[in-house]
Protein backbone atom coordinates (compact mmCIF):
# COMPACT_ATOMS: atom_id res chain seq x y z
CA MET A 1 0.00 0.00 0.00
CA LEU A 2 2.71 2.47 0.95
CA SER A 3 4.74 1.68 -2.18
CA ALA A 4 1.72 2.28 -4.39
CA HIS A 5 0.99 5.60 -2.67
CA LEU A 6 4.61 6.74 -3.00
CA GLY A 7 4.66 5.73 -6.64
CA GLU A 8 1.50 7.68 -7.43
CA THR A 9 2.81 10.73 -5.58
CA ILE A 10 6.09 10.69 -7.51
CA LYS A 11 4.36 10.11 -10.83
CA ARG A 12 1.86 12.92 -10.25
CA ARG A 13 4.59 15.41 -9.28
CA ARG A 14 6.80 14.35 -12.22
CA LYS A 15 3.94 14.96 -14.63
CA GLU A 16 3.13 18.33 -13.01
CA LEU A 17 6.71 19.37 -13.74
CA GLY A 18 6.63 17.95 -17.27
CA ILE A 19 9.58 15.62 -16.68
CA THR A 20 9.88 12.25 -18.42
CA GLN A 21 10.82 9.12 -16.51
CA PRO A 22 14.25 8.86 -18.17
CA HIS A 23 15.01 12.52 -17.46
CA LEU A 24 13.95 12.29 -13.81
CA ALA A 25 15.97 9.12 -13.34
CA GLU A 26 19.02 10.83 -14.83
CA LEU A 27 18.60 13.93 -12.67
CA ALA A 28 18.19 11.82 -9.53
CA GLY A 29 21.05 9.47 -10.38
CA ILE A 30 18.94 6.31 -10.38
CA SER A 31 18.09 3.83 -13.11
CA THR A 32 15.03 4.31 -15.29
CA ASN A 33 13.97 0.77 -14.38
CA THR A 34 14.05 1.66 -10.67
CA LEU A 35 11.84 4.69 -11.27
CA TYR A 36 9.47 2.72 -13.50
CA LYS A 37 8.99 0.05 -10.83
CA LEU A 38 8.60 2.64 -8.09
CA GLU A 39 5.89 4.53 -9.97
CA ARG A 40 4.00 1.28 -10.54
CA GLY A 41 4.22 0.35 -6.84
CA GLN A 42 6.39 -2.67 -7.64
CA SER A 43 9.39 -1.80 -5.50
CA ASN A 44 10.30 -0.96 -1.95
CA PRO A 45 12.68 2.01 -2.37
CA SER A 46 15.35 2.94 0.12
CA LEU A 47 15.25 6.30 1.86
CA GLU A 48 18.33 7.23 -0.17
CA VAL A 49 16.48 6.70 -3.47
CA LEU A 50 13.41 8.55 -2.22
CA ASN A 51 15.54 11.43 -1.00
CA LYS A 52 17.25 11.75 -4.41
CA LEU A 53 13.91 11.77 -6.22
CA PHE A 54 12.20 14.13 -3.83
CA GLU A 55 15.10 16.58 -3.97
CA VAL A 56 14.77 16.80 -7.75
CA LEU A 57 10.97 17.04 -7.51
CA GLY A 58 11.10 19.81 -4.89
CA MET A 59 9.52 17.64 -2.22
CA GLU A 60 10.59 16.47 1.21
CA ILE A 61 10.21 13.31 3.24
CA LYS A 62 8.53 13.62 6.59
CA LEU A 63 8.79 10.63 8.88
CA GLU A 64 6.56 10.52 11.91
CA VAL A 65 6.72 7.91 14.63
CA ARG A 66 3.92 7.75 17.16
CA LYS A 67 3.20 5.48 20.05
CA LYS A 68 0.02 3.46 19.75
CA TYR A 69 -2.24 3.29 22.76
């Protein structure tokens, strides 16, 4: 579920900026195949990969940890 949501978020932002998958992959320093799989929700990306992509896309990662009661 999380991978699919991340993939959709990245895809939507990439399209808003008018960037192709190969161009975004090049700018972020990742493979096109990695980006393709991520956008389709078929991978579990590392924080390093997400950080590279989000930096290029002008986004940030916010991690929140809460205690369940």
